[in-house]
C-alpha atoms as a PDB file:
ATOM      1  CA  UNK A   1     -31.168 -37.331  27.112  1.00  0.00           C
ATOM      2  CA  UNK A   2     -32.548 -38.586  23.861  1.00  0.00           C
ATOM      3  CA  UNK A   3     -34.438 -36.232  21.592  1.00  0.00           C
ATOM      4  CA  UNK A   4     -35.248 -36.227  17.911  1.00  0.00           C
ATOM      5  CA  UNK A   5     -36.289 -33.672  15.350  1.00  0.00           C
ATOM      6  CA  UNK A   6     -39.814 -34.116  14.049  1.00  0.00           C
ATOM      7  CA  UNK A   7     -41.850 -32.151  11.529  1.00  0.00           C
ATOM      8  CA  UNK A   8     -41.869 -28.354  11.569  1.00  0.00           C
ATOM      9  CA  UNK A   9     -38.677 -28.175  13.641  1.00  0.00           C
ATOM     10  CA  UNK A  10     -40.296 -29.617  16.768  1.00  0.00           C
ATOM     11  CA  UNK A  11     -38.155 -31.398  19.318  1.00  0.00           C
ATOM     12  CA  UNK A  12     -39.600 -34.720  20.436  1.00  0.00           C
ATOM     13  CA  UNK A  13     -38.407 -35.897  23.863  1.00  0.00           C
ATOM     14  CA  UNK A  14     -37.828 -39.645  23.838  1.00  0.00           C
ATOM     15  CA  UNK A  15     -36.060 -40.330  27.141  1.00  0.00           C
ATOM     16  CA  UNK A  16     -34.128 -38.701  29.978  1.00  0.00           C
ATOM     17  CA  UNK A  17     -31.392 -40.597  31.810  1.00  0.00           C
ATOM     18  CA  UNK A  18     -29.464 -39.763  34.967  1.00  0.00           C
ATOM     19  CA  UNK A  19     -26.053 -38.439  33.871  1.00  0.00           C
ATOM     20  CA  UNK A  20     -24.189 -40.155  36.700  1.00  0.00           C
ATOM     21  CA  UNK A  21     -25.363 -43.736  36.128  1.00  0.00           C
ATOM     22  CA  UNK A  22     -27.586 -43.686  33.005  1.00  0.00           C
ATOM     23  CA  UNK A  23     -30.610 -44.839  35.003  1.00  0.00           C
ATOM     24  CA  UNK A  24     -33.943 -43.768  33.459  1.00  0.00           C
ATOM     25  CA  UNK A  25     -35.556 -40.605  34.803  1.00  0.00           C
ATOM     26  CA  UNK A  26     -38.311 -40.243  32.185  1.00  0.00           C
ATOM     27  CA  UNK A  27     -39.239 -42.236  29.117  1.00  0.00           C
ATOM     28  CA  UNK A  28     -42.079 -42.062  26.670  1.00  0.00           C
ATOM     29  CA  UNK A  29     -43.534 -44.539  24.205  1.00  0.00           C
ATOM     30  CA  UNK A  30     -42.461 -43.981  20.592  1.00  0.00           C
ATOM     31  CA  UNK A  31     -45.991 -42.950  19.646  1.00  0.00           C
ATOM     32  CA  UNK A  32     -46.501 -40.589  22.600  1.00  0.00           C
ATOM     33  CA  UNK A  33     -43.286 -38.564  22.834  1.00  0.00           C
ATOM     34  CA  UNK A  34     -44.050 -34.996  23.910  1.00  0.00           C
ATOM     35  CA  UNK A  35     -42.492 -32.072  22.115  1.00  0.00           C
ATOM     36  CA  UNK A  36     -40.241 -29.778  24.144  1.00  0.00           C
ATOM     37  CA  UNK A  37     -43.042 -27.369  25.080  1.00  0.00           C
ATOM     38  CA  UNK A  38     -45.225 -30.235  26.306  1.00  0.00           C
ATOM     39  CA  UNK A  39     -42.301 -31.737  28.262  1.00  0.00           C
ATOM     40  CA  UNK A  40     -41.797 -28.365  29.994  1.00  0.00           C
ATOM     41  CA  UNK A  41     -45.470 -28.339  30.981  1.00  0.00           C
ATOM     42  CA  UNK A  42     -45.456 -31.972  32.149  1.00  0.00           C
ATOM     43  CA  UNK A  43     -42.187 -31.668  34.128  1.00  0.00           C
ATOM     44  CA  UNK A  44     -41.588 -28.001  35.061  1.00  0.00           C
ATOM     45  CA  UNK A  45     -38.985 -28.988  37.662  1.00  0.00           C
ATOM     46  CA  UNK A  46     -36.573 -29.880  34.860  1.00  0.00           C
ATOM     47  CA  UNK A  47     -36.246 -26.336  33.463  1.00  0.00           C
ATOM     48  CA  UNK A  48     -32.431 -26.425  33.246  1.00  0.00           C
ATOM     49  CA  UNK A  49     -32.605 -29.707  31.347  1.00  0.00           C
ATOM     50  CA  UNK A  50     -35.177 -28.378  28.864  1.00  0.00           C
ATOM     51  CA  UNK A  51     -33.025 -25.274  28.363  1.00  0.00           C
ATOM     52  CA  UNK A  52     -30.035 -27.529  27.610  1.00  0.00           C
ATOM     53  CA  UNK A  53     -32.096 -29.522  25.095  1.00  0.00           C
ATOM     54  CA  UNK A  54     -33.162 -26.318  23.360  1.00  0.00           C
ATOM     55  CA  UNK A  55     -29.522 -25.164  23.212  1.00  0.00           C
ATOM     56  CA  UNK A  56     -28.392 -28.549  21.865  1.00  0.00           C
ATOM     57  CA  UNK A  57     -31.138 -28.449  19.239  1.00  0.00           C
ATOM     58  CA  UNK A  58     -30.159 -25.014  17.932  1.00  0.00           C
ATOM     59  CA  UNK A  59     -26.456 -25.868  18.005  1.00  0.00           C
ATOM     60  CA  UNK A  60     -27.201 -29.005  15.971  1.00  0.00           C
ATOM     61  CA  UNK A  61     -29.537 -27.228  13.558  1.00  0.00           C
ATOM     62  CA  UNK A  62     -27.323 -24.167  13.065  1.00  0.00           C
ATOM     63  CA  UNK A  63     -23.724 -24.938  14.061  1.00  0.00           C
ATOM     64  CA  UNK A  64     -21.620 -21.995  15.281  1.00  0.00           C
ATOM     65  CA  UNK A  65     -19.598 -20.273  12.602  1.00  0.00           C
ATOM     66  CA  UNK A  66     -15.878 -20.977  12.773  1.00  0.00           C
ATOM     67  CA  UNK A  67     -13.929 -18.072  14.232  1.00  0.00           C
ATOM     68  CA  UNK A  68     -11.576 -16.221  11.932  1.00  0.00           C
ATOM     69  CA  UNK A  69      -7.988 -16.023  13.052  1.00  0.00           C
END
């Protein structure tokens, strides 16, 4: 999965690859990458993937706080 952060904290979906062999599943032109909400609408069968992208985005944007020992 390739995504990038665009203006106003939107997630732009660039490409989706098969995890087992890296073959392309979805790809978009650089000028027509959907944001995450649009990708969900275009490909609702990939809900678990979109949820993982959202989780990855928030983990990247706001990393977990280190635990205190």
